Amino acid sequence: MAVLRVRHCGALVYCRRAPPRCPACGGDLRRAGLTAAPVRLHCPFRHGHSQPRAFLIRPSRGTFLHDYDGHSDLHVGITNSKGVVYHYDQEGVHRAASGWEQSISIPLVQPDMWELLQHWDNLLEEFSLEEAWLPQRYEEQQHNCFTFALALVNRVRCGRGRQPLSKAEFTERFLLPHTTAAARYLRLHRHLAHSDVLIVPLQEQEQQEQQQDCEPAKHSLLE
């Protein structure tokens, strides 16, 4: 179910269904004009198999909305042009056509990257067959799904004359903005599972957004 936001009387009201009156001041929202019109929040989770040539993140078990507690392990993978997810674990590289229906998705190949658009599937398949990704090479902390995905990203970046990304730089620049936005949405989603509304003073909300600076990066990982 959607999460709505209503702005009124110096506060942001989060809810599932827009109330006729402001829960903060009691004012009639139906006569408050466009500034108080309910806005549907962007859901950060996507059907991963409909996201071609993308970097995906999902919980190792279950889904974000129903199971993730903020501390559980995450799993990552990369899609081909048809939404098949290539991901690596102790059994080697998998090619999954299901199981990633609720994922954080970070697009990799932009519409103007003509050569990559044409050769992405072959590149991904050939990369996945390398000895580095044999089952016996897997190590939970140092050689895992994240290693696999970042190695492919850096392989493509180097081929395009870009510098490789360290794990720390990759996490800070590209993952944290998306996971922080997702965590904020999950907090709202779970609060509204037990309460009709959440009222946040506008000044407090603006301060939180400035501190978190959680707007996902707009440029490609491959640039």
Protein backbone atom coordinates (compact mmCIF):
# COMPACT_ATOMS: atom_id res chain seq x y z
CA MET A 1 0.00 0.00 0.00
CA ALA A 2 1.25 3.48 -0.86
CA VAL A 3 2.77 5.92 1.63
CA LEU A 4 1.36 9.44 1.27
CA ARG A 5 2.77 12.74 2.51
CA VAL A 6 0.68 15.82 3.31
CA ARG A 7 2.29 19.16 4.10
CA HIS A 8 0.29 21.39 6.43
CA CYS A 9 0.68 23.77 9.40
CA GLY A 10 4.45 23.48 9.57
CA ALA A 11 4.48 19.69 9.61
CA LEU A 12 4.67 16.71 7.31
CA VAL A 13 1.93 14.15 7.83
CA TYR A 14 2.66 10.63 6.59
CA CYS A 15 -0.28 8.30 6.11
CA ARG A 16 -1.79 5.53 3.99
CA ARG A 17 -4.97 7.44 3.18
CA ALA A 18 -5.17 11.22 3.12
CA PRO A 19 -7.29 12.37 6.10
CA PRO A 20 -10.01 15.01 5.58
CA ARG A 21 -8.57 17.04 8.46
CA CYS A 22 -4.99 17.70 9.49
CA PRO A 23 -4.08 15.44 12.43
CA ALA A 24 -1.72 18.14 13.72
CA CYS A 25 -4.03 21.19 13.81
CA GLY A 26 -7.50 19.92 12.88
CA GLY A 27 -7.73 22.12 9.80
CA ASP A 28 -9.80 21.09 6.80
CA LEU A 29 -7.34 19.70 4.27
CA ARG A 30 -9.93 19.67 1.50
CA ARG A 31 -9.88 23.48 1.51
CA ALA A 32 -6.16 23.90 2.06
CA GLY A 33 -5.22 24.16 -1.62
CA LEU A 34 -2.55 22.49 -3.69
CA THR A 35 0.20 22.91 -1.10
CA ALA A 36 -1.63 20.43 1.15
CA ALA A 37 -2.44 17.96 -1.61
CA PRO A 38 -1.29 14.42 -0.77
CA VAL A 39 1.88 13.29 -2.53
CA ARG A 40 2.66 9.62 -3.05
CA LEU A 41 6.21 8.83 -1.95
CA HIS A 42 8.55 7.12 -4.36
CA CYS A 43 9.00 3.47 -3.36
CA PRO A 44 12.72 2.57 -3.51
CA PHE A 45 12.08 -1.09 -4.34
CA ARG A 46 11.76 -2.41 -7.88
CA HIS A 47 11.00 -5.70 -9.57
CA GLY A 48 14.60 -6.59 -10.28
CA HIS A 49 13.84 -8.82 -13.26
CA SER A 50 12.30 -5.85 -15.07
CA GLN A 51 15.47 -3.79 -14.56
CA PRO A 52 17.89 -4.62 -17.41
CA ARG A 53 21.64 -4.02 -17.01
CA ALA A 54 21.35 -2.98 -13.39
CA PHE A 55 23.06 -3.50 -10.05
CA LEU A 56 20.55 -5.05 -7.62
CA ILE A 57 20.44 -5.30 -3.83
CA ARG A 58 18.06 -7.48 -1.83
CA PRO A 59 18.05 -9.18 1.59
CA SER A 60 19.76 -12.58 1.63
CA ARG A 61 16.51 -13.96 3.02
CA GLY A 62 12.98 -12.68 2.56
CA THR A 63 12.07 -9.22 1.30
CA PHE A 64 12.72 -5.65 2.39
CA LEU A 65 9.12 -4.78 3.24
CA HIS A 66 8.28 -7.94 5.17
CA ASP A 67 11.52 -9.34 6.60
CA TYR A 68 14.44 -6.92 6.62
CA ASP A 69 15.34 -5.61 10.09
CA GLY A 70 18.11 -3.21 9.12
CA HIS A 71 20.86 -5.58 10.23
CA SER A 72 20.29 -8.70 8.14
CA ASP A 73 22.75 -9.65 5.41
CA LEU A 74 22.23 -8.20 1.95
CA HIS A 75 22.89 -9.93 -1.37
CA VAL A 76 23.81 -8.24 -4.66
CA GLY A 77 23.66 -9.19 -8.31
CA ILE A 78 23.76 -7.75 -11.82
CA THR A 79 21.12 -8.20 -14.51
CA ASN A 80 21.57 -8.90 -18.18
CA SER A 81 19.41 -7.26 -20.86
CA LYS A 82 16.52 -9.64 -20.13
CA GLY A 83 16.50 -9.18 -16.34
CA VAL A 84 18.27 -12.44 -15.52
CA VAL A 85 20.28 -11.83 -12.34
CA TYR A 86 23.89 -13.01 -12.17
CA HIS A 87 24.96 -13.41 -8.55
CA TYR A 88 27.73 -15.23 -6.74
CA ASP A 89 27.75 -17.33 -3.57
CA GLN A 90 29.36 -20.46 -2.12
CA GLU A 91 27.83 -22.51 -4.94
CA GLY A 92 29.33 -20.31 -7.67
CA VAL A 93 27.59 -18.00 -10.12
CA HIS A 94 23.81 -18.26 -10.42
CA ARG A 95 21.61 -16.98 -13.23
CA ALA A 96 18.26 -16.27 -11.61
CA ALA A 97 15.02 -15.55 -13.45
CA SER A 98 13.10 -15.16 -10.16
CA GLY A 99 13.73 -14.23 -6.55
CA TRP A 100 14.67 -10.57 -7.03
CA GLU A 101 11.15 -9.16 -7.28
CA GLN A 102 11.75 -6.60 -4.51
CA SER A 103 15.18 -5.02 -4.94
CA ILE A 104 17.02 -1.75 -4.80
CA SER A 105 18.05 -1.14 -8.40
CA ILE A 106 20.95 1.02 -9.59
CA PRO A 107 21.05 1.36 -13.40
CA LEU A 108 24.43 0.62 -14.94
CA VAL A 109 24.23 1.10 -18.71
CA GLN A 110 22.81 4.40 -19.90
CA PRO A 111 20.88 4.79 -23.21
CA ASP A 112 23.81 6.53 -24.91
CA MET A 113 26.29 3.71 -24.14
CA TRP A 114 25.70 2.05 -27.49
CA GLU A 115 28.56 -0.45 -27.42
CA LEU A 116 27.74 -1.68 -23.93
CA LEU A 117 24.06 -2.00 -24.83
CA GLN A 118 25.01 -4.32 -27.66
CA HIS A 119 27.61 -6.42 -25.84
CA TRP A 120 26.48 -6.38 -22.20
CA ASP A 121 25.08 -9.92 -22.15
CA ASN A 122 28.20 -11.47 -23.66
CA LEU A 123 30.44 -9.45 -21.36
CA LEU A 124 28.48 -10.53 -18.28
CA GLU A 125 28.37 -14.19 -19.31
CA GLU A 126 32.09 -14.35 -20.12
CA PHE A 127 32.97 -12.60 -16.86
CA SER A 128 30.85 -15.06 -14.85
CA LEU A 129 32.77 -18.02 -16.34
CA GLU A 130 36.16 -16.88 -15.07
CA GLU A 131 37.98 -19.07 -12.54
CA ALA A 132 37.76 -16.33 -9.92
CA TRP A 133 34.08 -17.18 -9.49
CA LEU A 134 34.36 -20.91 -8.98
CA PRO A 135 32.55 -22.18 -5.84
CA GLN A 136 35.78 -23.07 -4.03
CA ARG A 137 37.04 -19.50 -4.38
CA TYR A 138 34.13 -18.11 -2.38
CA GLU A 139 34.95 -16.61 1.00
CA GLU A 140 32.20 -14.98 3.03
CA GLN A 141 34.07 -11.82 4.02
CA GLN A 142 36.65 -11.23 1.30
CA HIS A 143 35.46 -12.91 -1.91
CA ASN A 144 31.69 -12.80 -2.12
CA CYS A 145 28.72 -11.45 -4.09
CA PHE A 146 29.88 -7.88 -3.55
CA THR A 147 33.37 -8.76 -4.84
CA PHE A 148 31.81 -10.26 -7.97
CA ALA A 149 29.62 -7.26 -8.75
CA LEU A 150 32.25 -4.63 -8.00
CA ALA A 151 34.85 -6.50 -10.07
CA LEU A 152 32.54 -6.40 -13.08
CA VAL A 153 31.81 -2.70 -12.59
CA ASN A 154 35.53 -1.96 -12.38
CA ARG A 155 36.27 -4.16 -15.41
CA VAL A 156 33.87 -2.05 -17.47
CA ARG A 157 35.09 1.24 -15.96
CA CYS A 158 38.71 0.42 -16.85
CA GLY A 159 37.64 -0.52 -20.38
CA ARG A 160 36.10 2.93 -20.68
CA GLY A 161 39.24 4.66 -19.40
CA ARG A 162 37.89 5.29 -15.90
CA GLN A 163 39.61 4.66 -12.59
CA PRO A 164 38.46 1.59 -10.61
CA LEU A 165 36.42 2.15 -7.47
CA SER A 166 37.57 0.88 -4.09
CA LYS A 167 35.02 -0.95 -1.97
CA ALA A 168 34.79 2.02 0.39
CA GLU A 169 34.36 4.56 -2.42
CA PHE A 170 31.79 2.41 -4.18
CA THR A 171 29.80 2.00 -0.97
CA GLU A 172 29.89 5.68 -0.02
CA ARG A 173 29.19 7.14 -3.46
CA PHE A 174 26.66 4.69 -4.83
CA LEU A 175 25.26 2.27 -2.24
CA LEU A 176 24.73 4.44 0.84
CA PRO A 177 22.49 7.02 -0.87
CA HIS A 178 20.16 4.25 -2.06
CA THR A 179 20.19 2.19 1.13
CA THR A 180 19.67 5.28 3.29
CA ALA A 181 16.64 6.31 1.23
CA ALA A 182 15.33 2.75 1.46
CA ALA A 183 15.82 2.67 5.24
CA ARG A 184 13.85 5.91 5.62
CA TYR A 185 10.99 4.48 3.55
CA LEU A 186 11.01 1.26 5.58
CA ARG A 187 10.74 3.21 8.84
CA LEU A 188 7.66 5.00 7.51
CA HIS A 189 6.18 1.79 6.14
CA ARG A 190 6.53 -0.02 9.46
CA HIS A 191 5.28 2.87 11.56
CA LEU A 192 2.16 3.12 9.42
CA ALA A 193 1.54 -0.60 9.83
CA HIS A 194 0.63 0.14 13.46
CA SER A 195 -0.56 3.76 13.32
CA ASP A 196 -2.77 5.78 11.00
CA VAL A 197 -0.41 8.74 10.76
CA LEU A 198 3.08 9.96 11.56
CA ILE A 199 3.53 13.69 12.16
CA VAL A 200 7.03 15.15 11.69
CA PRO A 201 7.72 18.87 12.24
CA LEU A 202 8.86 20.29 8.93
CA GLN A 203 12.02 21.82 10.39
CA GLU A 204 13.03 18.48 11.93
CA GLN A 205 12.43 16.65 8.65
CA GLU A 206 14.50 19.17 6.69
CA GLN A 207 17.36 18.85 9.17
CA GLN A 208 17.30 15.07 8.88
CA GLU A 209 17.43 15.23 5.10
CA GLN A 210 20.35 17.66 5.16
CA GLN A 211 22.28 15.48 7.61
CA GLN A 212 21.60 12.26 5.72
CA ASP A 213 22.11 13.77 2.25
CA CYS A 214 20.44 10.67 0.87
CA GLU A 215 19.58 11.67 -2.67
CA PRO A 216 20.85 8.82 -4.85
CA ALA A 217 23.55 9.66 -7.36
CA LYS A 218 22.25 10.51 -10.82
CA HIS A 219 25.33 9.54 -12.82
CA SER A 220 26.22 6.03 -13.87
CA LEU A 221 28.47 3.68 -11.93
CA LEU A 222 30.33 3.14 -15.18
CA GLU A 223 31.16 6.80 -15.76
